[in-house]
């Protein structure tokens, strides 16, 4: 069950710096309602996911794998998310599949709580996020990164210890 939930959690939890105007807390489900698309996905180290001999910390510049990542929060407390499921083949070439997950959410005092149906059961996670009127951002680190990049040991993603996600509201 954790193998399926961690990519979704990776989409839903990160941190980014903003101006003082954007740092105002927004504390209710109504503030979160809307559609968001991934704008940046930044690693803590430069990597070469596409094996073109050029490293980059901004992973959206390394592959188009993350281009379809998006999330929609509905007024009724439900959400739908398109996530990238990243792995590597025997030659360390990036393999990208997308998956759609859905469930329920609540948002209060900077904490986003999601419940997802997984393998006939449910999984609930809560995490601090930064929500502004135009962005949703969060960070994943350590074990969550290892789960997000399936089989990362010995791959071009093996040095990543932290990922910062920023989604723009559209």
C-alpha atoms as a PDB file:
ATOM      1  CA  UNK A   1       0.000   0.000   0.000  1.00  0.00           C
ATOM      2  CA  UNK A   2       2.848   2.420   0.818  1.00  0.00           C
ATOM      3  CA  UNK A   3       4.381   1.892  -2.626  1.00  0.00           C
ATOM      4  CA  UNK A   4       1.250   3.357  -4.238  1.00  0.00           C
ATOM      5  CA  UNK A   5       0.652   6.178  -1.755  1.00  0.00           C
ATOM      6  CA  UNK A   6       4.177   7.662  -1.669  1.00  0.00           C
ATOM      7  CA  UNK A   7       4.103   9.063  -5.233  1.00  0.00           C
ATOM      8  CA  UNK A   8       0.830  10.801  -4.391  1.00  0.00           C
ATOM      9  CA  UNK A   9       2.249  12.072  -1.126  1.00  0.00           C
ATOM     10  CA  UNK A  10       5.225  13.375  -3.049  1.00  0.00           C
ATOM     11  CA  UNK A  11       2.859  15.479  -5.114  1.00  0.00           C
ATOM     12  CA  UNK A  12       1.060  16.852  -2.109  1.00  0.00           C
ATOM     13  CA  UNK A  13       3.856  17.904   0.265  1.00  0.00           C
ATOM     14  CA  UNK A  14       6.737  20.497  -0.302  1.00  0.00           C
ATOM     15  CA  UNK A  15       8.147  23.906   0.734  1.00  0.00           C
ATOM     16  CA  UNK A  16       9.238  26.979  -1.186  1.00  0.00           C
ATOM     17  CA  UNK A  17      10.239  30.552  -0.350  1.00  0.00           C
ATOM     18  CA  UNK A  18       7.850  33.371  -1.288  1.00  0.00           C
ATOM     19  CA  UNK A  19       7.525  37.103  -0.840  1.00  0.00           C
ATOM     20  CA  UNK A  20       5.874  38.414   2.312  1.00  0.00           C
ATOM     21  CA  UNK A  21       2.639  39.095   0.405  1.00  0.00           C
ATOM     22  CA  UNK A  22       2.478  35.465  -0.703  1.00  0.00           C
ATOM     23  CA  UNK A  23       3.333  34.072   2.742  1.00  0.00           C
ATOM     24  CA  UNK A  24      -0.093  34.916   4.140  1.00  0.00           C
ATOM     25  CA  UNK A  25      -1.674  31.775   5.580  1.00  0.00           C
ATOM     26  CA  UNK A  26      -4.792  30.485   3.919  1.00  0.00           C
ATOM     27  CA  UNK A  27      -6.699  28.182   6.238  1.00  0.00           C
ATOM     28  CA  UNK A  28      -9.721  26.448   4.768  1.00  0.00           C
ATOM     29  CA  UNK A  29     -10.792  24.010   2.062  1.00  0.00           C
ATOM     30  CA  UNK A  30     -12.369  26.799  -0.001  1.00  0.00           C
ATOM     31  CA  UNK A  31      -8.947  28.447  -0.391  1.00  0.00           C
ATOM     32  CA  UNK A  32      -7.492  25.221  -1.815  1.00  0.00           C
ATOM     33  CA  UNK A  33     -10.293  24.525  -4.318  1.00  0.00           C
ATOM     34  CA  UNK A  34      -9.064  24.664  -7.894  1.00  0.00           C
ATOM     35  CA  UNK A  35      -6.795  23.096 -10.468  1.00  0.00           C
ATOM     36  CA  UNK A  36      -3.025  23.081 -10.100  1.00  0.00           C
ATOM     37  CA  UNK A  37      -0.271  22.095 -12.539  1.00  0.00           C
ATOM     38  CA  UNK A  38       3.337  21.327 -11.662  1.00  0.00           C
ATOM     39  CA  UNK A  39       5.554  24.287 -12.515  1.00  0.00           C
ATOM     40  CA  UNK A  40       8.856  23.301 -10.903  1.00  0.00           C
ATOM     41  CA  UNK A  41      10.344  20.156  -9.401  1.00  0.00           C
ATOM     42  CA  UNK A  42      13.735  20.912  -7.903  1.00  0.00           C
ATOM     43  CA  UNK A  43      16.180  18.394  -6.448  1.00  0.00           C
ATOM     44  CA  UNK A  44      18.770  19.208  -3.812  1.00  0.00           C
ATOM     45  CA  UNK A  45      21.559  18.046  -6.174  1.00  0.00           C
ATOM     46  CA  UNK A  46      22.087  18.288  -9.910  1.00  0.00           C
ATOM     47  CA  UNK A  47      21.353  14.997 -11.710  1.00  0.00           C
ATOM     48  CA  UNK A  48      21.342  13.718 -15.282  1.00  0.00           C
ATOM     49  CA  UNK A  49      18.062  11.805 -15.551  1.00  0.00           C
ATOM     50  CA  UNK A  50      17.993  11.850 -19.352  1.00  0.00           C
ATOM     51  CA  UNK A  51      21.676  10.813 -19.604  1.00  0.00           C
ATOM     52  CA  UNK A  52      22.636  13.654 -21.966  1.00  0.00           C
ATOM     53  CA  UNK A  53      25.780  14.418 -19.913  1.00  0.00           C
ATOM     54  CA  UNK A  54      24.215  17.661 -18.602  1.00  0.00           C
ATOM     55  CA  UNK A  55      23.162  17.781 -14.953  1.00  0.00           C
ATOM     56  CA  UNK A  56      20.395  19.959 -13.600  1.00  0.00           C
ATOM     57  CA  UNK A  57      18.675  20.516 -10.262  1.00  0.00           C
ATOM     58  CA  UNK A  58      15.411  21.444 -12.039  1.00  0.00           C
ATOM     59  CA  UNK A  59      14.053  18.020 -12.963  1.00  0.00           C
ATOM     60  CA  UNK A  60      11.476  19.384 -15.421  1.00  0.00           C
ATOM     61  CA  UNK A  61      14.497  20.397 -17.546  1.00  0.00           C
ATOM     62  CA  UNK A  62      15.806  16.812 -17.424  1.00  0.00           C
ATOM     63  CA  UNK A  63      12.698  14.989 -18.634  1.00  0.00           C
ATOM     64  CA  UNK A  64       9.138  15.610 -19.791  1.00  0.00           C
ATOM     65  CA  UNK A  65       8.015  12.831 -17.429  1.00  0.00           C
ATOM     66  CA  UNK A  66       6.580  15.356 -14.975  1.00  0.00           C
ATOM     67  CA  UNK A  67       4.730  17.489 -17.557  1.00  0.00           C
ATOM     68  CA  UNK A  68       1.311  15.938 -16.909  1.00  0.00           C
ATOM     69  CA  UNK A  69       1.473  16.189 -13.109  1.00  0.00           C
ATOM     70  CA  UNK A  70      -1.596  18.045 -11.874  1.00  0.00           C
ATOM     71  CA  UNK A  71      -4.096  18.030  -9.052  1.00  0.00           C
ATOM     72  CA  UNK A  72      -7.692  19.205  -8.760  1.00  0.00           C
ATOM     73  CA  UNK A  73      -9.241  19.994  -5.390  1.00  0.00           C
ATOM     74  CA  UNK A  74     -13.050  20.066  -5.525  1.00  0.00           C
ATOM     75  CA  UNK A  75     -15.389  22.067  -3.286  1.00  0.00           C
ATOM     76  CA  UNK A  76     -16.948  18.831  -1.963  1.00  0.00           C
ATOM     77  CA  UNK A  77     -13.654  17.795  -0.298  1.00  0.00           C
ATOM     78  CA  UNK A  78     -12.550  15.362  -3.019  1.00  0.00           C
ATOM     79  CA  UNK A  79      -9.448  15.519  -5.181  1.00  0.00           C
ATOM     80  CA  UNK A  80      -7.988  13.907  -8.281  1.00  0.00           C
ATOM     81  CA  UNK A  81      -4.275  13.859  -9.001  1.00  0.00           C
ATOM     82  CA  UNK A  82      -2.209  12.818 -12.007  1.00  0.00           C
ATOM     83  CA  UNK A  83       1.195  11.633 -10.841  1.00  0.00           C
ATOM     84  CA  UNK A  84       4.364  10.491 -12.554  1.00  0.00           C
ATOM     85  CA  UNK A  85       5.559   7.040 -11.542  1.00  0.00           C
ATOM     86  CA  UNK A  86       9.314   7.094 -12.136  1.00  0.00           C
ATOM     87  CA  UNK A  87      11.616   4.086 -12.364  1.00  0.00           C
ATOM     88  CA  UNK A  88      14.729   3.078 -14.301  1.00  0.00           C
ATOM     89  CA  UNK A  89      15.305   0.145 -16.644  1.00  0.00           C
ATOM     90  CA  UNK A  90      18.359  -2.164 -16.578  1.00  0.00           C
ATOM     91  CA  UNK A  91      20.361   0.425 -18.582  1.00  0.00           C
ATOM     92  CA  UNK A  92      19.415   3.200 -16.127  1.00  0.00           C
ATOM     93  CA  UNK A  93      17.109   4.826 -18.656  1.00  0.00           C
ATOM     94  CA  UNK A  94      14.243   6.684 -17.037  1.00  0.00           C
ATOM     95  CA  UNK A  95      10.875   4.965 -17.386  1.00  0.00           C
ATOM     96  CA  UNK A  96       7.868   7.170 -16.818  1.00  0.00           C
ATOM     97  CA  UNK A  97       4.274   6.135 -16.356  1.00  0.00           C
ATOM     98  CA  UNK A  98       1.393   8.238 -15.134  1.00  0.00           C
ATOM     99  CA  UNK A  99      -1.309   7.241 -12.724  1.00  0.00           C
ATOM    100  CA  UNK A 100      -4.484   8.957 -11.553  1.00  0.00           C
ATOM    101  CA  UNK A 101      -5.317   8.821  -7.854  1.00  0.00           C
ATOM    102  CA  UNK A 102      -8.339  10.239  -6.076  1.00  0.00           C
ATOM    103  CA  UNK A 103      -9.677  10.591  -2.571  1.00  0.00           C
ATOM    104  CA  UNK A 104     -10.710  13.159  -0.006  1.00  0.00           C
ATOM    105  CA  UNK A 105      -8.854  16.060   1.557  1.00  0.00           C
ATOM    106  CA  UNK A 106      -9.047  18.719   4.227  1.00  0.00           C
ATOM    107  CA  UNK A 107      -6.913  21.813   4.671  1.00  0.00           C
ATOM    108  CA  UNK A 108      -6.557  23.889   7.837  1.00  0.00           C
ATOM    109  CA  UNK A 109      -3.786  25.917   9.437  1.00  0.00           C
ATOM    110  CA  UNK A 110      -1.270  24.997   6.759  1.00  0.00           C
ATOM    111  CA  UNK A 111      -1.854  21.250   7.090  1.00  0.00           C
ATOM    112  CA  UNK A 112      -3.176  19.246   4.162  1.00  0.00           C
ATOM    113  CA  UNK A 113      -4.685  15.871   5.048  1.00  0.00           C
ATOM    114  CA  UNK A 114      -5.471  13.403   2.281  1.00  0.00           C
ATOM    115  CA  UNK A 115      -7.184  10.029   2.305  1.00  0.00           C
ATOM    116  CA  UNK A 116      -6.660   7.775  -0.708  1.00  0.00           C
ATOM    117  CA  UNK A 117      -8.207   4.436  -1.604  1.00  0.00           C
ATOM    118  CA  UNK A 118      -5.357   1.952  -2.055  1.00  0.00           C
ATOM    119  CA  UNK A 119      -5.611  -1.796  -2.677  1.00  0.00           C
ATOM    120  CA  UNK A 120      -9.082  -2.095  -1.191  1.00  0.00           C
ATOM    121  CA  UNK A 121      -8.221  -0.014   1.885  1.00  0.00           C
ATOM    122  CA  UNK A 122      -7.490   3.604   2.658  1.00  0.00           C
ATOM    123  CA  UNK A 123      -4.371   5.496   3.640  1.00  0.00           C
ATOM    124  CA  UNK A 124      -4.406   8.895   5.336  1.00  0.00           C
ATOM    125  CA  UNK A 125      -1.457  11.285   5.514  1.00  0.00           C
ATOM    126  CA  UNK A 126      -1.096  14.826   6.869  1.00  0.00           C
ATOM    127  CA  UNK A 127       1.650  17.267   5.997  1.00  0.00           C
ATOM    128  CA  UNK A 128       2.495  20.950   6.168  1.00  0.00           C
ATOM    129  CA  UNK A 129       2.179  22.765   2.820  1.00  0.00           C
ATOM    130  CA  UNK A 130       2.578  26.354   1.743  1.00  0.00           C
ATOM    131  CA  UNK A 131      -0.546  27.659   0.015  1.00  0.00           C
ATOM    132  CA  UNK A 132      -0.790  31.095  -1.560  1.00  0.00           C
ATOM    133  CA  UNK A 133      -3.469  32.484  -3.826  1.00  0.00           C
ATOM    134  CA  UNK A 134      -1.485  31.264  -6.848  1.00  0.00           C
ATOM    135  CA  UNK A 135       0.664  28.310  -5.697  1.00  0.00           C
ATOM    136  CA  UNK A 136       0.725  25.115  -3.671  1.00  0.00           C
ATOM    137  CA  UNK A 137       4.205  24.010  -2.659  1.00  0.00           C
ATOM    138  CA  UNK A 138       5.777  21.307  -0.521  1.00  0.00           C
ATOM    139  CA  UNK A 139       8.939  19.278   0.067  1.00  0.00           C
ATOM    140  CA  UNK A 140       9.685  15.573   0.273  1.00  0.00           C
ATOM    141  CA  UNK A 141      12.925  14.170   1.615  1.00  0.00           C
ATOM    142  CA  UNK A 142      14.840  11.039   2.604  1.00  0.00           C
ATOM    143  CA  UNK A 143      12.578   7.967   2.525  1.00  0.00           C
ATOM    144  CA  UNK A 144       9.842   9.704   0.540  1.00  0.00           C
ATOM    145  CA  UNK A 145      12.318  10.499  -2.254  1.00  0.00           C
ATOM    146  CA  UNK A 146      13.444   6.860  -2.317  1.00  0.00           C
ATOM    147  CA  UNK A 147       9.820   5.808  -2.709  1.00  0.00           C
ATOM    148  CA  UNK A 148       9.150   8.446  -5.360  1.00  0.00           C
ATOM    149  CA  UNK A 149      12.050   7.304  -7.550  1.00  0.00           C
ATOM    150  CA  UNK A 150      11.417   3.575  -7.536  1.00  0.00           C
ATOM    151  CA  UNK A 151      14.668   1.604  -7.328  1.00  0.00           C
ATOM    152  CA  UNK A 152      16.785   4.771  -7.195  1.00  0.00           C
ATOM    153  CA  UNK A 153      19.921   3.141  -5.747  1.00  0.00           C
ATOM    154  CA  UNK A 154      22.581   3.041  -8.463  1.00  0.00           C
ATOM    155  CA  UNK A 155      20.500   5.139 -10.891  1.00  0.00           C
ATOM    156  CA  UNK A 156      20.915   8.737 -12.062  1.00  0.00           C
ATOM    157  CA  UNK A 157      18.492   9.724  -9.252  1.00  0.00           C
ATOM    158  CA  UNK A 158      20.449   8.028  -6.464  1.00  0.00           C
ATOM    159  CA  UNK A 159      21.940  11.255  -5.059  1.00  0.00           C
ATOM    160  CA  UNK A 160      18.608  13.023  -4.568  1.00  0.00           C
ATOM    161  CA  UNK A 161      17.783  13.505  -0.894  1.00  0.00           C
ATOM    162  CA  UNK A 162      15.139  16.238  -1.191  1.00  0.00           C
ATOM    163  CA  UNK A 163      12.588  17.426  -3.764  1.00  0.00           C
ATOM    164  CA  UNK A 164      10.761  20.762  -3.822  1.00  0.00           C
ATOM    165  CA  UNK A 165       7.456  20.789  -5.716  1.00  0.00           C
ATOM    166  CA  UNK A 166       5.663  23.956  -6.798  1.00  0.00           C
ATOM    167  CA  UNK A 167       2.237  23.791  -8.416  1.00  0.00           C
ATOM    168  CA  UNK A 168       0.642  26.838 -10.039  1.00  0.00           C
ATOM    169  CA  UNK A 169      -3.081  27.384  -9.725  1.00  0.00           C
ATOM    170  CA  UNK A 170      -4.708  27.689 -13.132  1.00  0.00           C
END
